[in-house]
């Protein structure tokens, strides 16, 4: 008789654009470039080019202060976008 095999569900893996650490899609925060500017996507379903950031404070500081996110999203980040990201930063 054939044994039944357990089906392991696939978990999508994404990479933080700052520290390059790989983690499950749900463990990272998705930031999306939309027509309205940069938005934090908590659902993971907003249309647009996305980049992922882990919840480390150092990664969020670098995202807000440097051009790492601008390069990943292939866009310019405005002062308003940076303020929106600062407010969306996960609290430790």
C-alpha atoms as a PDB file:
ATOM      1  CA  UNK A   1       0.000   0.000   0.000  1.00  0.00           C
ATOM      2  CA  UNK A   2       1.123   3.529  -0.711  1.00  0.00           C
ATOM      3  CA  UNK A   3       1.676   5.783   2.262  1.00  0.00           C
ATOM      4  CA  UNK A   4      -0.008   9.161   2.324  1.00  0.00           C
ATOM      5  CA  UNK A   5       2.417  12.053   2.277  1.00  0.00           C
ATOM      6  CA  UNK A   6       1.865  15.172   4.317  1.00  0.00           C
ATOM      7  CA  UNK A   7       1.437  18.218   2.105  1.00  0.00           C
ATOM      8  CA  UNK A   8       3.554  21.098   3.366  1.00  0.00           C
ATOM      9  CA  UNK A   9       2.078  24.485   2.525  1.00  0.00           C
ATOM     10  CA  UNK A  10       4.407  26.795   0.614  1.00  0.00           C
ATOM     11  CA  UNK A  11       5.381  29.962   2.507  1.00  0.00           C
ATOM     12  CA  UNK A  12       6.540  32.820   0.257  1.00  0.00           C
ATOM     13  CA  UNK A  13       9.965  34.183   1.243  1.00  0.00           C
ATOM     14  CA  UNK A  14      10.822  37.867   0.811  1.00  0.00           C
ATOM     15  CA  UNK A  15      13.993  39.903   1.456  1.00  0.00           C
ATOM     16  CA  UNK A  16      14.334  43.122   3.451  1.00  0.00           C
ATOM     17  CA  UNK A  17      15.632  45.866   1.127  1.00  0.00           C
ATOM     18  CA  UNK A  18      17.906  47.229   3.872  1.00  0.00           C
ATOM     19  CA  UNK A  19      19.565  44.319   5.696  1.00  0.00           C
ATOM     20  CA  UNK A  20      18.867  41.663   3.005  1.00  0.00           C
ATOM     21  CA  UNK A  21      17.532  39.251   5.657  1.00  0.00           C
ATOM     22  CA  UNK A  22      15.115  36.690   4.247  1.00  0.00           C
ATOM     23  CA  UNK A  23      11.872  35.968   6.058  1.00  0.00           C
ATOM     24  CA  UNK A  24       8.319  34.846   5.413  1.00  0.00           C
ATOM     25  CA  UNK A  25       6.142  37.297   3.530  1.00  0.00           C
ATOM     26  CA  UNK A  26       3.904  37.885   6.570  1.00  0.00           C
ATOM     27  CA  UNK A  27       6.892  38.668   8.834  1.00  0.00           C
ATOM     28  CA  UNK A  28       7.929  41.687   6.749  1.00  0.00           C
ATOM     29  CA  UNK A  29       6.170  45.006   6.079  1.00  0.00           C
ATOM     30  CA  UNK A  30       5.363  45.774   2.439  1.00  0.00           C
ATOM     31  CA  UNK A  31       5.798  49.324   1.152  1.00  0.00           C
ATOM     32  CA  UNK A  32       4.166  50.104  -2.197  1.00  0.00           C
ATOM     33  CA  UNK A  33       4.648  52.757  -4.873  1.00  0.00           C
ATOM     34  CA  UNK A  34       1.235  53.887  -6.072  1.00  0.00           C
ATOM     35  CA  UNK A  35      -0.060  56.813  -8.092  1.00  0.00           C
ATOM     36  CA  UNK A  36      -0.771  58.569  -4.771  1.00  0.00           C
ATOM     37  CA  UNK A  37       2.805  58.138  -3.522  1.00  0.00           C
ATOM     38  CA  UNK A  38       4.399  55.677  -1.131  1.00  0.00           C
ATOM     39  CA  UNK A  39       2.041  53.668   1.090  1.00  0.00           C
ATOM     40  CA  UNK A  40       2.480  50.985   3.730  1.00  0.00           C
ATOM     41  CA  UNK A  41       0.532  47.911   2.631  1.00  0.00           C
ATOM     42  CA  UNK A  42      -0.699  45.974   5.660  1.00  0.00           C
ATOM     43  CA  UNK A  43      -2.852  43.629   3.564  1.00  0.00           C
ATOM     44  CA  UNK A  44      -0.184  42.745   1.007  1.00  0.00           C
ATOM     45  CA  UNK A  45      -2.704  43.228  -1.808  1.00  0.00           C
ATOM     46  CA  UNK A  46      -2.370  46.854  -2.928  1.00  0.00           C
ATOM     47  CA  UNK A  47      -1.498  47.138  -6.607  1.00  0.00           C
ATOM     48  CA  UNK A  48       1.864  48.672  -7.384  1.00  0.00           C
ATOM     49  CA  UNK A  49       5.573  48.031  -7.136  1.00  0.00           C
ATOM     50  CA  UNK A  50       6.427  46.796  -3.660  1.00  0.00           C
ATOM     51  CA  UNK A  51       9.443  46.421  -1.401  1.00  0.00           C
ATOM     52  CA  UNK A  52       9.725  44.674   1.942  1.00  0.00           C
ATOM     53  CA  UNK A  53      11.284  45.926   5.198  1.00  0.00           C
ATOM     54  CA  UNK A  54      11.801  43.945   8.399  1.00  0.00           C
ATOM     55  CA  UNK A  55      10.645  45.323  11.745  1.00  0.00           C
ATOM     56  CA  UNK A  56      14.113  46.285  13.042  1.00  0.00           C
ATOM     57  CA  UNK A  57      14.353  49.924  14.087  1.00  0.00           C
ATOM     58  CA  UNK A  58      17.702  50.336  12.300  1.00  0.00           C
ATOM     59  CA  UNK A  59      16.178  49.186   8.998  1.00  0.00           C
ATOM     60  CA  UNK A  60      13.261  51.612   9.312  1.00  0.00           C
ATOM     61  CA  UNK A  61      15.599  54.503  10.139  1.00  0.00           C
ATOM     62  CA  UNK A  62      17.663  53.745   7.053  1.00  0.00           C
ATOM     63  CA  UNK A  63      14.535  53.457   4.885  1.00  0.00           C
ATOM     64  CA  UNK A  64      13.372  56.896   6.007  1.00  0.00           C
ATOM     65  CA  UNK A  65      16.767  58.636   5.840  1.00  0.00           C
ATOM     66  CA  UNK A  66      18.455  57.093   2.785  1.00  0.00           C
ATOM     67  CA  UNK A  67      17.595  56.308  -0.824  1.00  0.00           C
ATOM     68  CA  UNK A  68      17.483  52.516  -0.381  1.00  0.00           C
ATOM     69  CA  UNK A  69      13.698  52.436  -0.746  1.00  0.00           C
ATOM     70  CA  UNK A  70      13.750  54.862  -3.680  1.00  0.00           C
ATOM     71  CA  UNK A  71      16.068  52.524  -5.559  1.00  0.00           C
ATOM     72  CA  UNK A  72      13.976  49.452  -4.741  1.00  0.00           C
ATOM     73  CA  UNK A  73      10.742  51.146  -5.829  1.00  0.00           C
ATOM     74  CA  UNK A  74      12.378  52.944  -8.770  1.00  0.00           C
ATOM     75  CA  UNK A  75      10.948  56.335  -7.812  1.00  0.00           C
ATOM     76  CA  UNK A  76      11.712  59.557  -5.968  1.00  0.00           C
ATOM     77  CA  UNK A  77      10.536  59.710  -2.368  1.00  0.00           C
ATOM     78  CA  UNK A  78       9.031  63.022  -1.304  1.00  0.00           C
ATOM     79  CA  UNK A  79       9.205  64.650   2.114  1.00  0.00           C
ATOM     80  CA  UNK A  80       5.544  63.705   2.688  1.00  0.00           C
ATOM     81  CA  UNK A  81       6.322  60.073   1.851  1.00  0.00           C
ATOM     82  CA  UNK A  82       9.183  60.073   4.372  1.00  0.00           C
ATOM     83  CA  UNK A  83       6.873  61.505   7.055  1.00  0.00           C
ATOM     84  CA  UNK A  84       4.258  58.836   6.275  1.00  0.00           C
ATOM     85  CA  UNK A  85       6.917  56.116   6.615  1.00  0.00           C
ATOM     86  CA  UNK A  86       8.125  57.588   9.909  1.00  0.00           C
ATOM     87  CA  UNK A  87       4.582  57.401  11.302  1.00  0.00           C
ATOM     88  CA  UNK A  88       4.131  53.834  10.043  1.00  0.00           C
ATOM     89  CA  UNK A  89       7.334  52.583  11.689  1.00  0.00           C
ATOM     90  CA  UNK A  90       6.596  49.545  13.917  1.00  0.00           C
ATOM     91  CA  UNK A  91       6.865  50.289  17.614  1.00  0.00           C
ATOM     92  CA  UNK A  92       9.238  48.033  19.548  1.00  0.00           C
END
